[in-house]
Amino acid sequence: MKHFNFEHPEQFEKVFRGESREITDAIVESIHDAFQFQKDSADMFSITFGEDDLAYEITLPKTQWEQAVQKCLDNYHEWGCADQAIDTYLLLKNIKEWEETK
């Protein structure tokens, strides 16, 4: 799970608005970890604001993994990240095969 602390909500918006390499990497890593342990959801992000002790946790159910991983794969292709694209493709393939066996 990737942890973020933002001073202002605008910072949150800036990080999550576009196609960020940091966010893409975190999504793939979170889904990979959840897949390895055959979980029902992936723990994606923990978000806090300022000095507040309250943390917001963002998870993604496995029904959404295929779509999210495909988007990350598209990002890696666009950025020319061949190694990450291969690893992400293999993850996507494994997720599809796992879903077919259920």
N, C-alpha and C. Protein backbone atom coordinates (compact mmCIF):
# COMPACT_ATOMS: atom_id res chain seq x y z
N MET A 1 0.85 -1.17 0.00
CA MET A 1 0.00 0.00 0.00
C MET A 1 0.90 1.23 0.00
N LYS A 2 0.60 2.13 -0.89
CA LYS A 2 1.36 3.39 -1.01
C LYS A 2 0.74 4.42 -0.08
N HIS A 3 1.59 5.08 0.72
CA HIS A 3 1.12 6.09 1.67
C HIS A 3 1.40 7.49 1.13
N PHE A 4 0.39 8.35 1.24
CA PHE A 4 0.52 9.74 0.84
C PHE A 4 0.06 10.64 1.98
N ASN A 5 0.77 11.75 2.15
CA ASN A 5 0.33 12.79 3.07
C ASN A 5 0.32 14.10 2.29
N PHE A 6 -0.84 14.74 2.26
CA PHE A 6 -0.99 15.99 1.53
C PHE A 6 -1.29 17.13 2.49
N GLU A 7 -0.71 18.27 2.21
CA GLU A 7 -0.99 19.45 3.01
C GLU A 7 -2.31 20.11 2.60
N HIS A 8 -2.63 20.00 1.31
CA HIS A 8 -3.84 20.64 0.77
C HIS A 8 -4.54 19.68 -0.19
N PRO A 9 -5.85 19.75 -0.27
CA PRO A 9 -6.58 18.89 -1.21
C PRO A 9 -6.14 19.07 -2.65
N GLU A 10 -5.64 20.24 -3.00
CA GLU A 10 -5.17 20.49 -4.36
C GLU A 10 -3.99 19.59 -4.71
N GLN A 11 -3.15 19.29 -3.73
CA GLN A 11 -2.02 18.39 -3.95
C GLN A 11 -2.53 16.99 -4.28
N PHE A 12 -3.56 16.57 -3.56
CA PHE A 12 -4.18 15.27 -3.83
C PHE A 12 -4.68 15.21 -5.27
N GLU A 13 -5.39 16.24 -5.66
CA GLU A 13 -5.95 16.30 -7.01
C GLU A 13 -4.85 16.24 -8.07
N LYS A 14 -3.77 16.95 -7.84
CA LYS A 14 -2.67 17.00 -8.80
C LYS A 14 -2.04 15.61 -8.99
N VAL A 15 -1.84 14.89 -7.90
CA VAL A 15 -1.20 13.57 -7.97
C VAL A 15 -2.10 12.56 -8.67
N PHE A 16 -3.40 12.60 -8.39
CA PHE A 16 -4.30 11.56 -8.90
C PHE A 16 -5.02 11.95 -10.19
N ARG A 17 -4.83 13.15 -10.67
CA ARG A 17 -5.56 13.58 -11.86
C ARG A 17 -5.03 12.94 -13.14
N GLY A 18 -3.76 13.02 -13.39
CA GLY A 18 -3.20 12.55 -14.66
C GLY A 18 -2.70 11.13 -14.57
N GLU A 19 -1.93 10.76 -15.56
CA GLU A 19 -1.31 9.44 -15.59
C GLU A 19 0.10 9.55 -15.01
N SER A 20 0.19 9.34 -13.74
CA SER A 20 1.44 9.46 -13.01
C SER A 20 2.16 8.12 -12.96
N ARG A 21 3.45 8.15 -13.18
CA ARG A 21 4.26 6.93 -13.09
C ARG A 21 4.20 6.37 -11.67
N GLU A 22 4.26 7.26 -10.68
CA GLU A 22 4.23 6.83 -9.28
C GLU A 22 2.92 6.10 -8.96
N ILE A 23 1.81 6.63 -9.44
CA ILE A 23 0.51 6.02 -9.18
C ILE A 23 0.39 4.71 -9.96
N THR A 24 0.81 4.71 -11.20
CA THR A 24 0.76 3.51 -12.03
C THR A 24 1.56 2.38 -11.39
N ASP A 25 2.78 2.68 -10.96
CA ASP A 25 3.61 1.67 -10.29
C ASP A 25 2.94 1.14 -9.03
N ALA A 26 2.34 2.04 -8.25
CA ALA A 26 1.68 1.64 -7.00
C ALA A 26 0.47 0.75 -7.27
N ILE A 27 -0.28 1.05 -8.31
CA ILE A 27 -1.45 0.24 -8.65
C ILE A 27 -1.01 -1.17 -9.04
N VAL A 28 -0.02 -1.27 -9.90
CA VAL A 28 0.46 -2.58 -10.34
C VAL A 28 1.01 -3.37 -9.15
N GLU A 29 1.79 -2.73 -8.32
CA GLU A 29 2.37 -3.41 -7.15
C GLU A 29 1.29 -3.89 -6.20
N SER A 30 0.29 -3.05 -5.94
CA SER A 30 -0.79 -3.42 -5.02
C SER A 30 -1.60 -4.59 -5.54
N ILE A 31 -1.92 -4.55 -6.82
CA ILE A 31 -2.70 -5.64 -7.41
C ILE A 31 -1.87 -6.92 -7.47
N HIS A 32 -0.59 -6.79 -7.79
CA HIS A 32 0.30 -7.95 -7.81
C HIS A 32 0.33 -8.62 -6.44
N ASP A 33 0.51 -7.82 -5.39
CA ASP A 33 0.56 -8.37 -4.04
C ASP A 33 -0.75 -9.05 -3.67
N ALA A 34 -1.87 -8.42 -3.98
CA ALA A 34 -3.18 -9.00 -3.66
C ALA A 34 -3.40 -10.28 -4.45
N PHE A 35 -2.98 -10.29 -5.71
CA PHE A 35 -3.11 -11.49 -6.55
C PHE A 35 -2.29 -12.64 -5.96
N GLN A 36 -1.07 -12.35 -5.54
CA GLN A 36 -0.19 -13.39 -5.00
C GLN A 36 -0.83 -14.09 -3.80
N PHE A 37 -1.59 -13.34 -3.01
CA PHE A 37 -2.22 -13.90 -1.81
C PHE A 37 -3.70 -14.23 -2.05
N GLN A 38 -4.14 -14.15 -3.31
CA GLN A 38 -5.50 -14.45 -3.72
C GLN A 38 -6.54 -13.74 -2.86
N LYS A 39 -6.34 -12.46 -2.68
CA LYS A 39 -7.26 -11.64 -1.89
C LYS A 39 -8.45 -11.22 -2.76
N ASP A 40 -9.49 -10.76 -2.10
CA ASP A 40 -10.68 -10.28 -2.79
C ASP A 40 -10.58 -8.81 -3.19
N SER A 41 -9.61 -8.10 -2.60
CA SER A 41 -9.40 -6.70 -2.95
C SER A 41 -7.93 -6.35 -2.75
N ALA A 42 -7.51 -5.30 -3.43
CA ALA A 42 -6.12 -4.82 -3.33
C ALA A 42 -6.10 -3.54 -2.52
N ASP A 43 -5.25 -3.49 -1.51
CA ASP A 43 -5.07 -2.28 -0.71
C ASP A 43 -4.15 -1.36 -1.50
N MET A 44 -4.72 -0.28 -2.03
CA MET A 44 -4.00 0.58 -2.97
C MET A 44 -3.25 1.72 -2.29
N PHE A 45 -4.01 2.58 -1.59
CA PHE A 45 -3.43 3.81 -1.06
C PHE A 45 -3.95 4.10 0.34
N SER A 46 -3.10 4.74 1.13
CA SER A 46 -3.48 5.31 2.41
C SER A 46 -3.18 6.80 2.31
N ILE A 47 -4.21 7.62 2.57
CA ILE A 47 -4.08 9.06 2.35
C ILE A 47 -4.41 9.81 3.62
N THR A 48 -3.50 10.72 4.00
CA THR A 48 -3.73 11.61 5.13
C THR A 48 -3.53 13.04 4.66
N PHE A 49 -4.12 13.96 5.42
CA PHE A 49 -4.00 15.38 5.11
C PHE A 49 -3.40 16.10 6.31
N GLY A 50 -2.26 16.77 6.08
CA GLY A 50 -1.62 17.56 7.12
C GLY A 50 -1.25 16.72 8.31
N GLU A 51 -1.54 17.26 9.48
CA GLU A 51 -1.21 16.58 10.74
C GLU A 51 -2.35 15.70 11.24
N ASP A 52 -3.40 15.61 10.48
CA ASP A 52 -4.59 14.85 10.86
C ASP A 52 -4.24 13.37 11.02
N ASP A 53 -4.75 12.74 12.08
CA ASP A 53 -4.51 11.32 12.33
C ASP A 53 -5.42 10.42 11.50
N LEU A 54 -6.46 11.00 10.94
CA LEU A 54 -7.41 10.24 10.15
C LEU A 54 -6.80 9.87 8.80
N ALA A 55 -6.82 8.58 8.47
CA ALA A 55 -6.29 8.12 7.19
C ALA A 55 -7.42 7.53 6.37
N TYR A 56 -7.41 7.84 5.10
CA TYR A 56 -8.38 7.28 4.16
C TYR A 56 -7.67 6.18 3.39
N GLU A 57 -8.26 5.00 3.38
CA GLU A 57 -7.66 3.88 2.67
C GLU A 57 -8.49 3.58 1.42
N ILE A 58 -7.80 3.44 0.32
CA ILE A 58 -8.45 3.15 -0.95
C ILE A 58 -8.10 1.73 -1.35
N THR A 59 -9.13 0.93 -1.59
CA THR A 59 -8.95 -0.44 -2.03
C THR A 59 -9.64 -0.62 -3.38
N LEU A 60 -9.26 -1.67 -4.07
CA LEU A 60 -9.85 -1.97 -5.37
C LEU A 60 -10.29 -3.43 -5.37
N PRO A 61 -11.59 -3.70 -5.59
CA PRO A 61 -12.04 -5.10 -5.61
C PRO A 61 -11.48 -5.83 -6.82
N LYS A 62 -11.34 -7.13 -6.69
CA LYS A 62 -10.71 -7.91 -7.75
C LYS A 62 -11.50 -7.86 -9.05
N THR A 63 -12.78 -7.53 -8.99
CA THR A 63 -13.57 -7.40 -10.22
C THR A 63 -13.07 -6.24 -11.08
N GLN A 64 -12.30 -5.33 -10.50
CA GLN A 64 -11.78 -4.17 -11.22
C GLN A 64 -10.30 -4.30 -11.59
N TRP A 65 -9.65 -5.36 -11.17
CA TRP A 65 -8.22 -5.50 -11.39
C TRP A 65 -7.86 -5.55 -12.87
N GLU A 66 -8.59 -6.33 -13.62
CA GLU A 66 -8.24 -6.48 -15.04
C GLU A 66 -8.26 -5.14 -15.76
N GLN A 67 -9.28 -4.36 -15.52
CA GLN A 67 -9.39 -3.04 -16.16
C GLN A 67 -8.26 -2.12 -15.70
N ALA A 68 -7.95 -2.12 -14.40
CA ALA A 68 -6.90 -1.25 -13.87
C ALA A 68 -5.53 -1.65 -14.41
N VAL A 69 -5.25 -2.94 -14.45
CA VAL A 69 -3.95 -3.42 -14.94
C VAL A 69 -3.81 -3.12 -16.44
N GLN A 70 -4.90 -3.25 -17.19
CA GLN A 70 -4.86 -2.93 -18.62
C GLN A 70 -4.50 -1.46 -18.82
N LYS A 71 -5.08 -0.58 -18.02
CA LYS A 71 -4.77 0.86 -18.12
C LYS A 71 -3.31 1.11 -17.78
N CYS A 72 -2.79 0.43 -16.77
CA CYS A 72 -1.38 0.59 -16.40
C CYS A 72 -0.49 0.07 -17.53
N LEU A 73 -0.87 -1.04 -18.14
CA LEU A 73 -0.11 -1.58 -19.27
C LEU A 73 -0.08 -0.58 -20.42
N ASP A 74 -1.22 0.04 -20.70
CA ASP A 74 -1.27 1.08 -21.74
C ASP A 74 -0.33 2.24 -21.41
N ASN A 75 -0.31 2.63 -20.14
CA ASN A 75 0.59 3.72 -19.71
C ASN A 75 2.05 3.34 -19.95
N TYR A 76 2.42 2.14 -19.55
CA TYR A 76 3.81 1.71 -19.72
C TYR A 76 4.20 1.68 -21.21
N HIS A 77 3.29 1.22 -22.06
CA HIS A 77 3.56 1.23 -23.50
C HIS A 77 3.77 2.66 -23.99
N GLU A 78 2.90 3.55 -23.57
CA GLU A 78 2.99 4.96 -23.99
C GLU A 78 4.31 5.59 -23.52
N TRP A 79 4.76 5.23 -22.33
CA TRP A 79 5.99 5.81 -21.78
C TRP A 79 7.24 5.09 -22.26
N GLY A 80 7.09 4.00 -22.98
CA GLY A 80 8.25 3.26 -23.46
C GLY A 80 8.96 2.47 -22.39
N CYS A 81 8.24 2.00 -21.40
CA CYS A 81 8.81 1.23 -20.28
C CYS A 81 8.62 -0.26 -20.57
N ALA A 82 9.53 -0.81 -21.36
CA ALA A 82 9.37 -2.18 -21.85
C ALA A 82 9.35 -3.22 -20.73
N ASP A 83 10.28 -3.13 -19.78
CA ASP A 83 10.34 -4.13 -18.71
C ASP A 83 9.07 -4.13 -17.87
N GLN A 84 8.59 -2.94 -17.51
CA GLN A 84 7.37 -2.83 -16.71
C GLN A 84 6.17 -3.31 -17.52
N ALA A 85 6.17 -3.03 -18.82
CA ALA A 85 5.07 -3.47 -19.68
C ALA A 85 5.01 -5.01 -19.73
N ILE A 86 6.16 -5.64 -19.83
CA ILE A 86 6.19 -7.12 -19.87
C ILE A 86 5.68 -7.70 -18.56
N ASP A 87 6.18 -7.18 -17.45
CA ASP A 87 5.74 -7.67 -16.13
C ASP A 87 4.24 -7.45 -15.94
N THR A 88 3.76 -6.30 -16.39
CA THR A 88 2.34 -5.97 -16.23
C THR A 88 1.48 -6.85 -17.15
N TYR A 89 1.97 -7.12 -18.35
CA TYR A 89 1.25 -8.02 -19.26
C TYR A 89 1.12 -9.41 -18.63
N LEU A 90 2.20 -9.90 -18.04
CA LEU A 90 2.15 -11.22 -17.40
C LEU A 90 1.18 -11.23 -16.23
N LEU A 91 1.15 -10.15 -15.46
CA LEU A 91 0.18 -10.04 -14.36
C LEU A 91 -1.24 -10.08 -14.91
N LEU A 92 -1.49 -9.32 -15.96
CA LEU A 92 -2.81 -9.29 -16.58
C LEU A 92 -3.22 -10.68 -17.07
N LYS A 93 -2.29 -11.36 -17.71
CA LYS A 93 -2.54 -12.72 -18.20
C LYS A 93 -2.90 -13.66 -17.04
N ASN A 94 -2.16 -13.58 -15.94
CA ASN A 94 -2.42 -14.42 -14.77
C ASN A 94 -3.78 -14.11 -14.14
N ILE A 95 -4.14 -12.84 -14.09
CA ILE A 95 -5.44 -12.46 -13.53
C ILE A 95 -6.57 -13.04 -14.39
N LYS A 96 -6.43 -12.93 -15.71
CA LYS A 96 -7.45 -13.47 -16.61
C LYS A 96 -7.58 -14.99 -16.45
N GLU A 97 -6.45 -15.68 -16.35
CA GLU A 97 -6.48 -17.13 -16.18
C GLU A 97 -7.12 -17.51 -14.84
N TRP A 98 -6.83 -16.75 -13.80
CA TRP A 98 -7.39 -17.01 -12.47
C TRP A 98 -8.91 -16.84 -12.51
N GLU A 99 -9.36 -15.81 -13.19
CA GLU A 99 -10.81 -15.55 -13.28
C GLU A 99 -11.50 -16.66 -14.08
N GLU A 100 -10.83 -17.19 -15.10
CA GLU A 100 -11.43 -18.24 -15.92
C GLU A 100 -11.60 -19.55 -15.16
N THR A 101 -10.74 -19.79 -14.17
CA THR A 101 -10.81 -21.04 -13.41
C THR A 101 -11.88 -21.01 -12.33
N LYS A 102 -12.48 -19.88 -12.11
CA LYS A 102 -13.50 -19.78 -11.04
C LYS A 102 -14.87 -20.03 -11.59
